[in-house]
Each structure stands twice: as structure tokens, then as C-alpha cells.
């Protein structure tokens, strides 16, 4: 059986990591082999360069940053393909749409951002955890990276995500709810939309 790829998207502090971990745990408990992945993958060479840029140690333009993010996903492509071929359910904390949403927020061409990722494994379902930029600030008040500190940017990113979430392969979930309420909606949606037993 071929695997599945479920991507969580949203602003920083929207609960992507928490909900991805909860979904993985529930899938495992239900007897489905699943694996958590996250992007950027900071443990790679390109991931380390991304981390430096986010800390302000590099001064790359928005186009270079998106090229780095996409290259970072291609670094992990062989692993993703191998796991999917083995029938794993991959639960990803950020994936392809992050480049499109953030790139559009910086004025980059969405088609370019989409086309360069065409040869990566595509998500079977993308879950948008939608929160207001002000909520993100309340949830993390210190150690915010340069993107997190820019509320106007975050508002543009949110608008781009909301537009992307009109696609039938997406589901938009109110990320302002409690963690438990979100987890229930996520699990119910994933099992019904992907016809999981």
C-alpha cells in the first residue's frame, strides 16, 4: 500500500508541531505506521544555512530564502519517497505551501514557487491551522525570529494561506480553539477525507 502525506500549515505558533505530533500518535495507536517530519529540516547543510539567516547572520532576499527552503525539501526527497513507498503516513510540520504563502507575502510569483516544487511528493491533504497574527505574538513573546516579529508580514501570510485553503485538497481549522478540540477535528477530518479505517 502506498503511503500518505499530510501537511500542517499556518503561522508560527498556530499549533502545527503539537497537532502533527498528536495526529502521529493517534495514527500509531490505531495501528497505522506513521512518521513525523518537519521543515525546515535544520539538521541538513541547507537547513543550517536557513537557521543562520533566520537569526540574522545572513542577509538573503526573499527569493533566495525561498530557494533555500525548497532546496531543503529536495534534500529530504529520497527519504520522503522511501517512506511513502513503504506505506508510511507522513505527517509534516510545514511543507510546500509555506513557500507559496510566505513567498506571496513578499511579492514573489506564486506560479514560480509552485512549479519549482512540482517534483517533490505532493500532499494528500493539507491542514491549515488558522490563527490571527496577534495570537501568535501572545503565544510566543520572546526569541521571535525576523519573520515572526513582522506583524504586517504575518497578516499577508495568513491571507495567502486562507486563499490556498480554498483548494479541495485543503481543510481550514480554527486554530484559536483548545488543543484538544483541534486534535479531535484534525483526526476526524483526516480519517474521513483520506478514508482511513
C-alpha atoms as a PDB file:
ATOM      1  CA  UNK A   1       0.000   0.000   0.000  1.00  0.00           C
ATOM      2  CA  UNK A   2       1.318   3.435  -0.912  1.00  0.00           C
ATOM      3  CA  UNK A   3       1.732   5.893   1.917  1.00  0.00           C
ATOM      4  CA  UNK A   4       0.063   9.227   2.502  1.00  0.00           C
ATOM      5  CA  UNK A   5       1.423  12.704   3.151  1.00  0.00           C
ATOM      6  CA  UNK A   6      -0.469  15.074   5.439  1.00  0.00           C
ATOM      7  CA  UNK A   7       0.931  18.598   5.781  1.00  0.00           C
ATOM      8  CA  UNK A   8       0.171  21.065   8.566  1.00  0.00           C
ATOM      9  CA  UNK A   9       0.432  24.721   7.608  1.00  0.00           C
ATOM     10  CA  UNK A  10      -0.173  28.046   9.344  1.00  0.00           C
ATOM     11  CA  UNK A  11       1.541  30.928  11.048  1.00  0.00           C
ATOM     12  CA  UNK A  12       4.208  30.317  13.647  1.00  0.00           C
ATOM     13  CA  UNK A  13       2.619  29.357  16.974  1.00  0.00           C
ATOM     14  CA  UNK A  14      -0.541  28.087  15.264  1.00  0.00           C
ATOM     15  CA  UNK A  15      -0.019  24.650  16.808  1.00  0.00           C
ATOM     16  CA  UNK A  16       1.403  22.802  13.797  1.00  0.00           C
ATOM     17  CA  UNK A  17       4.006  20.808  15.709  1.00  0.00           C
ATOM     18  CA  UNK A  18       1.620  19.960  18.554  1.00  0.00           C
ATOM     19  CA  UNK A  19      -1.149  18.814  16.237  1.00  0.00           C
ATOM     20  CA  UNK A  20       1.239  16.934  13.932  1.00  0.00           C
ATOM     21  CA  UNK A  21       2.601  15.034  16.939  1.00  0.00           C
ATOM     22  CA  UNK A  22      -0.896  14.294  18.244  1.00  0.00           C
ATOM     23  CA  UNK A  23      -2.043  13.032  14.864  1.00  0.00           C
ATOM     24  CA  UNK A  24       1.020  10.806  14.524  1.00  0.00           C
ATOM     25  CA  UNK A  25       0.373   9.356  17.986  1.00  0.00           C
ATOM     26  CA  UNK A  26      -3.296   8.666  17.216  1.00  0.00           C
ATOM     27  CA  UNK A  27      -2.445   7.060  13.893  1.00  0.00           C
ATOM     28  CA  UNK A  28       0.140   4.858  15.612  1.00  0.00           C
ATOM     29  CA  UNK A  29      -2.394   3.916  18.295  1.00  0.00           C
ATOM     30  CA  UNK A  30      -4.834   2.966  15.529  1.00  0.00           C
ATOM     31  CA  UNK A  31      -2.250   0.598  14.063  1.00  0.00           C
ATOM     32  CA  UNK A  32      -1.144   2.807  11.156  1.00  0.00           C
ATOM     33  CA  UNK A  33       2.600   3.249  10.725  1.00  0.00           C
ATOM     34  CA  UNK A  34       3.278   6.968  10.675  1.00  0.00           C
ATOM     35  CA  UNK A  35       6.280   9.247  10.778  1.00  0.00           C
ATOM     36  CA  UNK A  36       6.677  12.906  11.766  1.00  0.00           C
ATOM     37  CA  UNK A  37       8.722  15.195   9.514  1.00  0.00           C
ATOM     38  CA  UNK A  38       9.321  18.934   9.813  1.00  0.00           C
ATOM     39  CA  UNK A  39      10.521  21.693   7.527  1.00  0.00           C
ATOM     40  CA  UNK A  40      12.864  23.437   7.550  1.00  0.00           C
ATOM     41  CA  UNK A  41      14.928  20.349   8.356  1.00  0.00           C
ATOM     42  CA  UNK A  42      17.601  22.217  10.306  1.00  0.00           C
ATOM     43  CA  UNK A  43      19.854  19.159  10.647  1.00  0.00           C
ATOM     44  CA  UNK A  44      20.900  19.363   6.972  1.00  0.00           C
ATOM     45  CA  UNK A  45      23.532  21.666   5.438  1.00  0.00           C
ATOM     46  CA  UNK A  46      20.906  23.851   3.779  1.00  0.00           C
ATOM     47  CA  UNK A  47      18.768  23.751   6.922  1.00  0.00           C
ATOM     48  CA  UNK A  48      21.691  25.114   8.917  1.00  0.00           C
ATOM     49  CA  UNK A  49      22.050  27.971   6.437  1.00  0.00           C
ATOM     50  CA  UNK A  50      18.321  28.742   6.809  1.00  0.00           C
ATOM     51  CA  UNK A  51      18.709  28.850  10.592  1.00  0.00           C
ATOM     52  CA  UNK A  52      21.585  31.322  10.262  1.00  0.00           C
ATOM     53  CA  UNK A  53      19.505  33.549   8.011  1.00  0.00           C
ATOM     54  CA  UNK A  54      16.559  33.496  10.411  1.00  0.00           C
ATOM     55  CA  UNK A  55      18.870  34.521  13.256  1.00  0.00           C
ATOM     56  CA  UNK A  56      20.077  37.482  11.175  1.00  0.00           C
ATOM     57  CA  UNK A  57      23.543  36.065  10.467  1.00  0.00           C
ATOM     58  CA  UNK A  58      22.868  36.131   6.705  1.00  0.00           C
ATOM     59  CA  UNK A  59      21.131  38.801   4.647  1.00  0.00           C
ATOM     60  CA  UNK A  60      19.345  36.959   1.842  1.00  0.00           C
ATOM     61  CA  UNK A  61      16.488  38.396  -0.180  1.00  0.00           C
ATOM     62  CA  UNK A  62      13.054  36.725  -0.169  1.00  0.00           C
ATOM     63  CA  UNK A  63      13.767  34.862  -3.425  1.00  0.00           C
ATOM     64  CA  UNK A  64      16.983  33.334  -2.081  1.00  0.00           C
ATOM     65  CA  UNK A  65      15.249  32.366   1.165  1.00  0.00           C
ATOM     66  CA  UNK A  66      12.512  30.527  -0.734  1.00  0.00           C
ATOM     67  CA  UNK A  67      15.091  28.790  -2.926  1.00  0.00           C
ATOM     68  CA  UNK A  68      16.798  27.613   0.268  1.00  0.00           C
ATOM     69  CA  UNK A  69      13.516  26.378   1.764  1.00  0.00           C
ATOM     70  CA  UNK A  70      12.659  24.462  -1.409  1.00  0.00           C
ATOM     71  CA  UNK A  71      16.198  23.042  -1.712  1.00  0.00           C
ATOM     72  CA  UNK A  72      15.899  21.892   1.902  1.00  0.00           C
ATOM     73  CA  UNK A  73      12.807  19.862   0.950  1.00  0.00           C
ATOM     74  CA  UNK A  74      14.640  18.362  -2.011  1.00  0.00           C
ATOM     75  CA  UNK A  75      17.426  17.332   0.382  1.00  0.00           C
ATOM     76  CA  UNK A  76      14.855  15.148   2.139  1.00  0.00           C
ATOM     77  CA  UNK A  77      13.080  13.957  -1.044  1.00  0.00           C
ATOM     78  CA  UNK A  78      14.777  10.499  -1.133  1.00  0.00           C
ATOM     79  CA  UNK A  79      13.704   9.846   2.468  1.00  0.00           C
ATOM     80  CA  UNK A  80      10.147  11.017   1.798  1.00  0.00           C
ATOM     81  CA  UNK A  81       9.880   8.813  -1.287  1.00  0.00           C
ATOM     82  CA  UNK A  82      11.279   5.781   0.527  1.00  0.00           C
ATOM     83  CA  UNK A  83       8.891   6.161   3.469  1.00  0.00           C
ATOM     84  CA  UNK A  84       5.876   6.698   1.213  1.00  0.00           C
ATOM     85  CA  UNK A  85       6.814   3.662  -0.879  1.00  0.00           C
ATOM     86  CA  UNK A  86       6.953   1.611   2.333  1.00  0.00           C
ATOM     87  CA  UNK A  87       3.359   2.648   3.105  1.00  0.00           C
ATOM     88  CA  UNK A  88       4.092   5.116   5.912  1.00  0.00           C
ATOM     89  CA  UNK A  89       1.775   8.013   6.669  1.00  0.00           C
ATOM     90  CA  UNK A  90       3.974  11.110   6.765  1.00  0.00           C
ATOM     91  CA  UNK A  91       2.764  13.926   8.986  1.00  0.00           C
ATOM     92  CA  UNK A  92       4.650  17.104   8.116  1.00  0.00           C
ATOM     93  CA  UNK A  93       5.044  20.249  10.208  1.00  0.00           C
ATOM     94  CA  UNK A  94       5.158  22.711   7.263  1.00  0.00           C
ATOM     95  CA  UNK A  95       5.694  21.678   3.677  1.00  0.00           C
ATOM     96  CA  UNK A  96       5.226  23.011   0.127  1.00  0.00           C
ATOM     97  CA  UNK A  97       2.606  25.655   0.866  1.00  0.00           C
ATOM     98  CA  UNK A  98       4.840  27.526   3.305  1.00  0.00           C
ATOM     99  CA  UNK A  99       6.970  28.725   0.403  1.00  0.00           C
ATOM    100  CA  UNK A 100       3.916  29.812  -1.540  1.00  0.00           C
ATOM    101  CA  UNK A 101       2.293  31.673   1.371  1.00  0.00           C
ATOM    102  CA  UNK A 102       5.470  33.373   2.587  1.00  0.00           C
ATOM    103  CA  UNK A 103       6.729  33.983  -0.944  1.00  0.00           C
ATOM    104  CA  UNK A 104       3.463  35.632  -1.988  1.00  0.00           C
ATOM    105  CA  UNK A 105       3.600  37.756   1.173  1.00  0.00           C
ATOM    106  CA  UNK A 106       6.981  39.046  -0.053  1.00  0.00           C
ATOM    107  CA  UNK A 107       5.638  39.708  -3.563  1.00  0.00           C
ATOM    108  CA  UNK A 108       7.125  36.636  -5.252  1.00  0.00           C
ATOM    109  CA  UNK A 109       5.310  34.855  -8.072  1.00  0.00           C
ATOM    110  CA  UNK A 110       3.134  32.015  -6.757  1.00  0.00           C
ATOM    111  CA  UNK A 111       3.408  30.020 -10.012  1.00  0.00           C
ATOM    112  CA  UNK A 112       7.229  30.073  -9.794  1.00  0.00           C
ATOM    113  CA  UNK A 113       7.076  28.900  -6.180  1.00  0.00           C
ATOM    114  CA  UNK A 114       4.652  26.123  -7.106  1.00  0.00           C
ATOM    115  CA  UNK A 115       6.465  24.979 -10.255  1.00  0.00           C
ATOM    116  CA  UNK A 116       9.843  24.545  -8.573  1.00  0.00           C
ATOM    117  CA  UNK A 117       8.265  22.123  -6.095  1.00  0.00           C
ATOM    118  CA  UNK A 118       6.431  20.031  -8.700  1.00  0.00           C
ATOM    119  CA  UNK A 119       8.895  17.131  -8.428  1.00  0.00           C
ATOM    120  CA  UNK A 120       8.523  16.756  -4.664  1.00  0.00           C
ATOM    121  CA  UNK A 121       5.980  14.315  -3.199  1.00  0.00           C
ATOM    122  CA  UNK A 122       2.662  16.164  -3.134  1.00  0.00           C
ATOM    123  CA  UNK A 123       0.438  16.234  -0.031  1.00  0.00           C
ATOM    124  CA  UNK A 124      -2.716  14.130   0.013  1.00  0.00           C
ATOM    125  CA  UNK A 125      -4.216  16.592   2.488  1.00  0.00           C
ATOM    126  CA  UNK A 126      -3.069  19.984   3.786  1.00  0.00           C
ATOM    127  CA  UNK A 127      -4.418  21.201   7.125  1.00  0.00           C
ATOM    128  CA  UNK A 128      -4.404  24.953   7.741  1.00  0.00           C
ATOM    129  CA  UNK A 129      -4.425  25.864  11.438  1.00  0.00           C
ATOM    130  CA  UNK A 130      -5.702  29.407  11.091  1.00  0.00           C
ATOM    131  CA  UNK A 131      -4.851  31.958  13.791  1.00  0.00           C
ATOM    132  CA  UNK A 132      -4.560  35.725  13.896  1.00  0.00           C
ATOM    133  CA  UNK A 133      -1.036  37.224  13.913  1.00  0.00           C
ATOM    134  CA  UNK A 134      -1.851  38.756  17.316  1.00  0.00           C
ATOM    135  CA  UNK A 135      -2.484  35.279  18.706  1.00  0.00           C
ATOM    136  CA  UNK A 136       0.951  34.186  17.521  1.00  0.00           C
ATOM    137  CA  UNK A 137       2.509  37.090  19.443  1.00  0.00           C
ATOM    138  CA  UNK A 138       0.597  36.191  22.616  1.00  0.00           C
ATOM    139  CA  UNK A 139       1.767  32.583  22.382  1.00  0.00           C
ATOM    140  CA  UNK A 140       5.439  33.470  21.901  1.00  0.00           C
ATOM    141  CA  UNK A 141       6.628  36.790  23.293  1.00  0.00           C
ATOM    142  CA  UNK A 142      10.415  36.241  23.270  1.00  0.00           C
ATOM    143  CA  UNK A 143      13.007  34.822  20.867  1.00  0.00           C
ATOM    144  CA  UNK A 144      10.901  35.597  17.814  1.00  0.00           C
ATOM    145  CA  UNK A 145      12.773  35.362  14.506  1.00  0.00           C
ATOM    146  CA  UNK A 146      12.734  38.146  11.930  1.00  0.00           C
ATOM    147  CA  UNK A 147       9.596  36.839  10.199  1.00  0.00           C
ATOM    148  CA  UNK A 148       7.731  36.353  13.475  1.00  0.00           C
ATOM    149  CA  UNK A 149       8.393  39.944  14.549  1.00  0.00           C
ATOM    150  CA  UNK A 150       6.785  41.437  11.420  1.00  0.00           C
ATOM    151  CA  UNK A 151       3.022  41.536  12.074  1.00  0.00           C
ATOM    152  CA  UNK A 152       2.208  43.103   8.700  1.00  0.00           C
ATOM    153  CA  UNK A 153       4.068  40.240   7.003  1.00  0.00           C
ATOM    154  CA  UNK A 154       2.216  37.703   9.155  1.00  0.00           C
ATOM    155  CA  UNK A 155      -1.119  39.234   8.107  1.00  0.00           C
ATOM    156  CA  UNK A 156      -0.157  38.862   4.428  1.00  0.00           C
ATOM    157  CA  UNK A 157       0.976  35.280   5.013  1.00  0.00           C
ATOM    158  CA  UNK A 158      -2.325  34.475   6.705  1.00  0.00           C
ATOM    159  CA  UNK A 159      -4.275  35.930   3.778  1.00  0.00           C
ATOM    160  CA  UNK A 160      -2.215  33.838   1.344  1.00  0.00           C
ATOM    161  CA  UNK A 161      -2.856  30.692   3.389  1.00  0.00           C
ATOM    162  CA  UNK A 162      -6.586  31.409   3.511  1.00  0.00           C
ATOM    163  CA  UNK A 163      -6.638  31.750  -0.271  1.00  0.00           C
ATOM    164  CA  UNK A 164      -4.709  28.481  -0.715  1.00  0.00           C
ATOM    165  CA  UNK A 165      -7.103  26.723   1.672  1.00  0.00           C
ATOM    166  CA  UNK A 166      -9.990  27.150  -0.772  1.00  0.00           C
ATOM    167  CA  UNK A 167      -8.499  24.234  -2.743  1.00  0.00           C
ATOM    168  CA  UNK A 168     -10.409  20.945  -2.218  1.00  0.00           C
ATOM    169  CA  UNK A 169      -7.221  19.188  -1.045  1.00  0.00           C
ATOM    170  CA  UNK A 170      -7.078  21.517   1.975  1.00  0.00           C
ATOM    171  CA  UNK A 171      -9.039  21.818   5.195  1.00  0.00           C
ATOM    172  CA  UNK A 172      -9.087  25.008   7.271  1.00  0.00           C
ATOM    173  CA  UNK A 173      -9.379  24.587  11.053  1.00  0.00           C
ATOM    174  CA  UNK A 174      -9.831  27.387  13.580  1.00  0.00           C
ATOM    175  CA  UNK A 175      -6.511  27.342  15.439  1.00  0.00           C
ATOM    176  CA  UNK A 176      -7.859  29.593  18.184  1.00  0.00           C
ATOM    177  CA  UNK A 177      -9.682  26.617  19.771  1.00  0.00           C
ATOM    178  CA  UNK A 178      -8.248  24.450  22.546  1.00  0.00           C
ATOM    179  CA  UNK A 179      -5.563  21.916  21.633  1.00  0.00           C
ATOM    180  CA  UNK A 180      -7.901  19.029  22.439  1.00  0.00           C
ATOM    181  CA  UNK A 181     -10.727  20.426  20.302  1.00  0.00           C
ATOM    182  CA  UNK A 182      -8.370  20.958  17.365  1.00  0.00           C
ATOM    183  CA  UNK A 183      -6.935  17.442  17.729  1.00  0.00           C
ATOM    184  CA  UNK A 184     -10.431  15.930  17.526  1.00  0.00           C
ATOM    185  CA  UNK A 185     -11.309  17.914  14.396  1.00  0.00           C
ATOM    186  CA  UNK A 186      -7.974  17.002  12.803  1.00  0.00           C
ATOM    187  CA  UNK A 187      -8.325  13.279  13.484  1.00  0.00           C
ATOM    188  CA  UNK A 188     -11.938  13.141  12.328  1.00  0.00           C
ATOM    189  CA  UNK A 189     -11.134  15.115   9.180  1.00  0.00           C
ATOM    190  CA  UNK A 190      -8.051  13.075   8.301  1.00  0.00           C
ATOM    191  CA  UNK A 191      -9.742   9.708   8.784  1.00  0.00           C
ATOM    192  CA  UNK A 192     -12.833  10.702   6.784  1.00  0.00           C
ATOM    193  CA  UNK A 193     -11.111  12.631   3.973  1.00  0.00           C
ATOM    194  CA  UNK A 194      -8.422  10.005   3.434  1.00  0.00           C
ATOM    195  CA  UNK A 195     -10.744   7.036   4.093  1.00  0.00           C
ATOM    196  CA  UNK A 196      -8.562   5.630   6.842  1.00  0.00           C
ATOM    197  CA  UNK A 197     -10.010   2.690   8.803  1.00  0.00           C
END
